[in-house]
Amino acid sequence: MSIALLILGGLILLCVGGDLLVRGAESLALRTGMTPLVAGLTVVAFGTSSPELFISVGAALQDLDDVAIGNAIGSNIANLTLVLGLAAWVRPIRVESQLMKMDAPILIVCSLGLGAMLYASGMLTRGYGTVMVIALAAYIALSIRLGKSDGPLLEAEFRDSRHKAPAALTACLALVAAGLVMLVYGADFFVDGAVRLARLLGISEVLISLTLVAIGTSLPELASTLIASVKGRGDIAIGNAIGSSIFNILAILGVTALIKPLSMGEISWIDLGVMTLTAVILLPMLFTQRRVSRLEGAFLVACYMVYLALIAVRAT
């Protein structure tokens, strides 16, 4: 199978499979009596990160540890610059919820924590993975508690932005099963194609994971964030970008490290620094102006272009 077909076919399977998994899992959650807000902060948030999870796990099982880590780091950088920047450029994003403004400092702490773990041992052990998964559970619990305190504002946004009613049980299970199968095969095709492309171009596989793989797996976040921005749901747009980045660190890397410890490999401290810096840049936007303007959105996109230029220099 050709490289282009592997990458394109894998990407399509990842995007469609992720969407099916989200729709099925969310409907199952709503059938249990879970509110749209809680479902949005847990099931939907985890579901939209499922392509990254399957990519990282698949890469780790092929002993491509730095690709697994690079996928999460690259996706975070893309989420906070390209995705959020384009959404703000389409329509300035206003932030009303205290919950969403809480996420930026938490993301900075998670980024610094990831750097500290890698600095301490040069790898993510199963012990570190356990800590990250526990931190994820605490984050979800705190998000639900603070989300409820925001009252009707955020609850209405989550209710209006999702499906109107849960599907039948058999339909829910079919969607989940189909989504999981497509994610497994999509991740396998996509990683295989990315590795072949890196070898064909004679560049490091980790650089491909930081760029092509990261952008590809960020497409679901890009689509949902742009839609939320166009509809004027600023809290949802911010939550998609920042919340997914927190999930990438705690869930994607945490779960993957539990399955197989990950060595840092060719991951650069520059990549970790850029990931943390992008989260820091968002702080004044969220806490002082309560909005991300079009100009700031353009600045975020420009930051991503600069990062891609740095990647290109490293590849030569």
Protein backbone atom coordinates (compact mmCIF):
# COMPACT_ATOMS: atom_id res chain seq x y z
CA MET A 1 0.00 0.00 0.00
CA SER A 2 1.33 3.46 -0.91
CA ILE A 3 2.44 5.95 1.74
CA ALA A 4 -0.19 8.51 0.70
CA LEU A 5 -2.96 5.91 0.89
CA LEU A 6 -1.81 4.71 4.31
CA ILE A 7 -1.73 8.24 5.73
CA LEU A 8 -4.96 9.45 4.11
CA GLY A 9 -6.86 6.24 4.78
CA GLY A 10 -5.61 6.09 8.35
CA LEU A 11 -6.56 9.73 8.95
CA ILE A 12 -10.07 9.18 7.59
CA LEU A 13 -10.55 6.10 9.78
CA LEU A 14 -9.26 8.01 12.83
CA CYS A 15 -11.56 11.00 12.30
CA VAL A 16 -14.68 8.97 11.47
CA GLY A 17 -13.95 6.38 14.16
CA GLY A 18 -13.39 9.07 16.78
CA ASP A 19 -16.68 10.74 15.86
CA LEU A 20 -18.60 7.46 16.03
CA LEU A 21 -17.04 6.65 19.40
CA VAL A 22 -17.98 10.07 20.80
CA ARG A 23 -21.57 9.86 19.54
CA GLY A 24 -22.09 6.34 20.84
CA ALA A 25 -20.37 6.85 24.19
CA GLU A 26 -22.14 10.16 24.80
CA SER A 27 -25.53 8.65 24.06
CA LEU A 28 -24.75 5.81 26.47
CA ALA A 29 -23.77 8.35 29.13
CA LEU A 30 -26.95 10.38 28.64
CA ARG A 31 -29.04 7.21 28.86
CA THR A 32 -27.62 6.66 32.37
CA GLY A 33 -28.93 10.07 33.43
CA MET A 34 -25.67 11.97 33.07
CA THR A 35 -26.23 15.67 32.33
CA PRO A 36 -24.97 17.17 29.04
CA LEU A 37 -22.41 19.21 31.01
CA VAL A 38 -20.89 16.20 32.77
CA ALA A 39 -20.98 14.17 29.56
CA GLY A 40 -19.24 16.99 27.71
CA LEU A 41 -16.50 17.33 30.33
CA THR A 42 -15.81 13.59 30.53
CA VAL A 43 -17.02 11.27 27.77
CA VAL A 44 -16.86 13.77 24.91
CA ALA A 45 -13.52 15.23 26.02
CA PHE A 46 -11.95 11.78 26.21
CA GLY A 47 -13.57 10.68 22.96
CA THR A 48 -12.21 13.59 20.93
CA SER A 49 -8.72 12.64 22.14
CA SER A 50 -9.15 9.00 21.09
CA PRO A 51 -7.19 9.39 17.81
CA GLU A 52 -4.16 10.65 19.76
CA LEU A 53 -4.55 7.79 22.27
CA PHE A 54 -4.62 5.06 19.63
CA ILE A 55 -1.74 6.68 17.71
CA SER A 56 0.45 6.88 20.84
CA VAL A 57 -0.38 3.36 22.04
CA GLY A 58 0.19 1.96 18.55
CA ALA A 59 3.52 3.76 18.25
CA ALA A 60 4.64 2.57 21.68
CA LEU A 61 3.80 -1.04 20.85
CA GLN A 62 6.03 -0.68 17.78
CA ASP A 63 8.85 0.59 20.04
CA LEU A 64 8.49 4.12 18.64
CA ASP A 65 8.45 5.72 22.09
CA ASP A 66 9.51 9.21 21.01
CA VAL A 67 6.81 9.16 18.31
CA ALA A 68 4.22 8.36 21.01
CA ILE A 69 5.42 11.30 23.14
CA GLY A 70 5.92 13.57 20.12
CA ASN A 71 2.34 12.98 19.00
CA ALA A 72 0.96 14.29 22.31
CA ILE A 73 3.36 17.25 22.50
CA GLY A 74 2.84 18.19 18.86
CA SER A 75 -0.95 17.93 19.22
CA ASN A 76 -0.86 20.27 22.23
CA ILE A 77 1.19 22.85 20.36
CA ALA A 78 -1.21 22.62 17.40
CA ASN A 79 -4.30 22.87 19.66
CA LEU A 80 -3.10 25.98 21.50
CA THR A 81 -1.77 27.87 18.48
CA LEU A 82 -3.21 26.67 15.16
CA VAL A 83 -6.62 25.44 16.34
CA LEU A 84 -7.38 28.17 18.88
CA GLY A 85 -5.79 30.84 16.68
CA LEU A 86 -7.90 29.98 13.64
CA ALA A 87 -11.06 29.86 15.77
CA ALA A 88 -10.34 33.33 17.20
CA TRP A 89 -9.51 34.67 13.75
CA VAL A 90 -12.90 33.48 12.46
CA ARG A 91 -14.69 35.09 15.42
CA PRO A 92 -13.24 36.62 18.61
CA ILE A 93 -13.73 34.21 21.51
CA ARG A 94 -15.25 35.51 24.74
CA VAL A 95 -14.74 33.49 27.90
CA GLU A 96 -17.37 33.69 30.64
CA SER A 97 -16.91 30.44 32.56
CA GLN A 98 -14.60 30.22 35.55
CA LEU A 99 -14.12 26.55 34.67
CA MET A 100 -12.47 27.27 31.33
CA LYS A 101 -10.16 29.91 32.83
CA MET A 102 -9.07 27.33 35.38
CA ASP A 103 -7.82 25.02 32.64
CA ALA A 104 -4.92 27.22 31.45
CA PRO A 105 -3.03 27.20 34.79
CA ILE A 106 -3.69 23.46 35.13
CA LEU A 107 -2.27 22.90 31.66
CA ILE A 108 0.89 24.81 32.61
CA VAL A 109 1.29 22.65 35.73
CA CYS A 110 0.77 19.48 33.67
CA SER A 111 3.33 20.64 31.09
CA LEU A 112 5.89 21.43 33.79
CA GLY A 113 5.16 18.12 35.49
CA LEU A 114 5.74 16.23 32.25
CA GLY A 115 9.04 18.03 31.79
CA ALA A 116 10.09 17.21 35.36
CA MET A 117 9.32 13.51 34.89
CA LEU A 118 11.32 13.33 31.67
CA TYR A 119 14.18 15.33 33.21
CA ALA A 120 14.32 13.04 36.25
CA SER A 121 14.65 9.75 34.37
CA GLY A 122 14.55 10.43 30.64
CA MET A 123 11.40 8.34 30.35
CA LEU A 124 7.80 7.95 31.47
CA THR A 125 7.63 4.91 33.72
CA ARG A 126 4.51 3.00 34.74
CA GLY A 127 4.77 4.78 38.09
CA TYR A 128 4.62 8.15 36.35
CA GLY A 129 1.75 6.85 34.23
CA THR A 130 -0.16 5.94 37.39
CA VAL A 131 0.39 9.44 38.81
CA MET A 132 -0.87 11.01 35.57
CA VAL A 133 -4.01 8.88 35.46
CA ILE A 134 -4.78 9.72 39.11
CA ALA A 135 -4.26 13.41 38.30
CA LEU A 136 -6.63 12.99 35.35
CA ALA A 137 -9.35 11.61 37.64
CA ALA A 138 -8.85 14.54 40.03
CA TYR A 139 -9.03 17.01 37.13
CA ILE A 140 -12.28 15.50 35.84
CA ALA A 141 -13.83 15.59 39.33
CA LEU A 142 -12.79 19.23 39.81
CA SER A 143 -14.08 20.15 36.34
CA ILE A 144 -17.49 18.64 37.06
CA ARG A 145 -17.71 20.42 40.42
CA LEU A 146 -16.72 23.83 39.05
CA GLY A 147 -18.77 23.29 35.91
CA LYS A 148 -21.90 22.82 37.97
CA SER A 149 -21.13 26.02 39.88
CA ASP A 150 -21.22 27.94 36.59
CA GLY A 151 -24.91 27.17 36.52
CA PRO A 152 -27.21 27.48 33.51
CA LEU A 153 -24.60 29.30 31.37
CA LEU A 154 -22.30 26.36 30.73
CA GLU A 155 -24.99 23.69 31.05
CA ALA A 156 -26.97 25.34 28.24
CA GLU A 157 -23.89 25.57 26.01
CA PHE A 158 -23.10 21.88 26.39
CA ARG A 159 -26.75 20.87 25.95
CA ASP A 160 -27.23 22.93 22.78
CA SER A 161 -23.88 21.92 21.26
CA ARG A 162 -24.46 18.16 21.44
CA HIS A 163 -27.02 15.69 20.16
CA LYS A 164 -30.61 16.36 21.16
CA ALA A 165 -31.45 12.92 22.52
CA PRO A 166 -29.62 9.67 23.24
CA ALA A 167 -29.98 6.91 20.65
CA ALA A 168 -31.32 3.41 21.33
CA LEU A 169 -29.05 1.11 23.33
CA THR A 170 -28.24 -1.19 20.40
CA ALA A 171 -27.41 1.81 18.21
CA CYS A 172 -25.13 3.22 20.93
CA LEU A 173 -23.24 -0.05 21.27
CA ALA A 174 -22.92 -0.38 17.49
CA LEU A 175 -21.48 3.13 17.22
CA VAL A 176 -18.95 2.46 20.00
CA ALA A 177 -17.89 -0.87 18.48
CA ALA A 178 -17.56 0.55 14.97
CA GLY A 179 -15.64 3.54 16.28
CA LEU A 180 -13.16 1.39 18.20
CA VAL A 181 -12.49 -0.87 15.21
CA MET A 182 -11.91 2.11 12.92
CA LEU A 183 -9.61 3.75 15.47
CA VAL A 184 -7.48 0.62 15.83
CA TYR A 185 -6.99 0.16 12.10
CA GLY A 186 -6.73 3.90 11.44
CA ALA A 187 -3.96 4.29 14.01
CA ASP A 188 -2.06 1.32 12.55
CA PHE A 189 -2.28 2.66 8.99
CA PHE A 190 -1.43 6.22 9.97
CA VAL A 191 1.63 5.33 12.07
CA ASP A 192 2.87 2.96 9.37
CA GLY A 193 2.49 5.64 6.70
CA ALA A 194 4.14 8.32 8.83
CA VAL A 195 7.14 6.09 9.58
CA ARG A 196 7.54 5.19 5.91
CA LEU A 197 7.33 8.87 4.93
CA ALA A 198 10.00 9.83 7.46
CA ARG A 199 12.34 7.14 6.14
CA LEU A 200 11.64 8.15 2.53
CA LEU A 201 12.48 11.79 3.28
CA GLY A 202 15.46 10.80 5.38
CA ILE A 203 14.30 12.70 8.47
CA SER A 204 13.61 11.71 12.04
CA GLU A 205 10.34 9.92 12.74
CA VAL A 206 9.82 12.09 15.80
CA LEU A 207 9.77 15.24 13.62
CA ILE A 208 6.98 13.69 11.56
CA SER A 209 5.09 12.93 14.78
CA LEU A 210 5.46 16.54 15.96
CA THR A 211 4.04 17.93 12.71
CA LEU A 212 2.12 15.70 10.28
CA VAL A 213 0.84 13.25 12.88
CA ALA A 214 0.02 16.02 15.38
CA ILE A 215 -1.89 18.10 12.83
CA GLY A 216 -3.76 15.06 11.54
CA THR A 217 -4.92 13.95 14.98
CA SER A 218 -5.88 17.55 15.86
CA LEU A 219 -8.40 17.79 13.01
CA PRO A 220 -11.37 16.72 15.22
CA GLU A 221 -10.49 19.46 17.73
CA LEU A 222 -10.07 21.96 14.88
CA ALA A 223 -13.50 21.16 13.45
CA SER A 224 -15.36 21.24 16.79
CA THR A 225 -13.55 24.39 17.95
CA LEU A 226 -14.29 26.26 14.72
CA ILE A 227 -17.96 25.28 14.89
CA ALA A 228 -18.20 26.42 18.53
CA SER A 229 -16.50 29.72 17.66
CA VAL A 230 -18.82 30.43 14.72
CA LYS A 231 -21.84 29.75 16.95
CA GLY A 232 -20.51 32.15 19.59
CA ARG A 233 -19.88 29.45 22.22
CA GLY A 234 -16.57 30.75 23.49
CA ASP A 235 -16.39 28.49 26.54
CA ILE A 236 -16.81 25.39 24.39
CA ALA A 237 -14.15 26.59 21.93
CA ILE A 238 -11.64 27.26 24.71
CA GLY A 239 -12.57 24.02 26.44
CA ASN A 240 -11.98 21.98 23.28
CA ALA A 241 -8.50 23.40 22.73
CA ILE A 242 -7.19 23.59 26.29
CA GLY A 243 -9.12 20.65 27.72
CA SER A 244 -7.91 18.36 24.94
CA SER A 245 -4.34 19.46 25.65
CA ILE A 246 -4.69 18.48 29.31
CA PHE A 247 -6.13 15.12 28.25
CA ASN A 248 -3.21 14.63 25.85
CA ILE A 249 -0.74 14.83 28.73
CA LEU A 250 -2.63 13.09 31.52
CA ALA A 251 -4.71 10.57 29.57
CA ILE A 252 -2.80 9.88 26.36
CA LEU A 253 0.70 9.76 27.84
CA GLY A 254 -0.51 8.42 31.19
CA VAL A 255 -2.42 5.48 29.72
CA THR A 256 0.29 4.76 27.14
CA ALA A 257 2.98 4.74 29.85
CA LEU A 258 0.90 2.27 31.87
CA ILE A 259 0.81 -0.05 28.87
CA LYS A 260 4.49 0.41 28.02
CA PRO A 261 7.07 2.75 29.61
CA LEU A 262 8.16 5.47 27.17
CA SER A 263 11.72 6.71 26.68
CA MET A 264 12.26 10.33 25.66
CA GLY A 265 14.39 9.41 22.66
CA GLU A 266 14.82 12.27 20.20
CA ILE A 267 12.22 14.54 21.82
CA SER A 268 13.83 17.96 22.26
CA TRP A 269 13.54 20.17 25.32
CA ILE A 270 12.65 22.89 22.80
CA ASP A 271 9.43 21.03 22.01
CA LEU A 272 8.54 20.74 25.71
CA GLY A 273 9.38 24.41 26.21
CA VAL A 274 7.24 25.53 23.27
CA MET A 275 4.31 23.46 24.57
CA THR A 276 4.54 25.10 28.00
CA LEU A 277 5.12 28.59 26.59
CA THR A 278 1.99 28.46 24.44
CA ALA A 279 -0.09 27.75 27.55
CA VAL A 280 1.58 30.66 29.37
CA ILE A 281 0.80 33.00 26.46
CA LEU A 282 -2.92 32.27 26.88
CA LEU A 283 -3.03 33.43 30.51
CA PRO A 284 -3.23 37.21 29.89
CA MET A 285 -5.81 36.65 27.16
CA LEU A 286 -8.10 34.68 29.47
CA PHE A 287 -7.61 36.60 32.72
CA THR A 288 -7.28 40.23 31.63
CA GLN A 289 -9.36 40.73 28.50
CA ARG A 290 -11.73 37.76 28.97
CA ARG A 291 -11.44 37.18 25.23
CA VAL A 292 -9.13 36.03 22.46
CA SER A 293 -9.26 38.68 19.71
CA ARG A 294 -8.71 38.23 15.98
CA LEU A 295 -5.30 39.87 16.29
CA GLU A 296 -4.34 37.48 19.08
CA GLY A 297 -5.64 34.58 17.00
CA ALA A 298 -3.42 35.65 14.11
CA PHE A 299 -0.50 35.88 16.55
CA LEU A 300 -1.12 32.32 17.76
CA VAL A 301 -1.20 31.00 14.19
CA ALA A 302 2.01 32.91 13.45
CA CYS A 303 3.62 31.25 16.48
CA TYR A 304 2.77 27.87 15.01
CA MET A 305 4.31 28.84 11.67
CA VAL A 306 7.51 29.83 13.50
CA TYR A 307 7.53 26.46 15.28
CA LEU A 308 7.15 24.64 11.96
CA ALA A 309 10.09 26.66 10.64
CA LEU A 310 12.17 25.50 13.61
CA ILE A 311 11.17 21.91 12.85
CA ALA A 312 12.24 22.40 9.22
CA VAL A 313 15.64 23.69 10.35
CA ARG A 314 16.10 20.65 12.61
CA ALA A 315 15.23 18.36 9.70
CA THR A 316 18.07 19.70 7.52
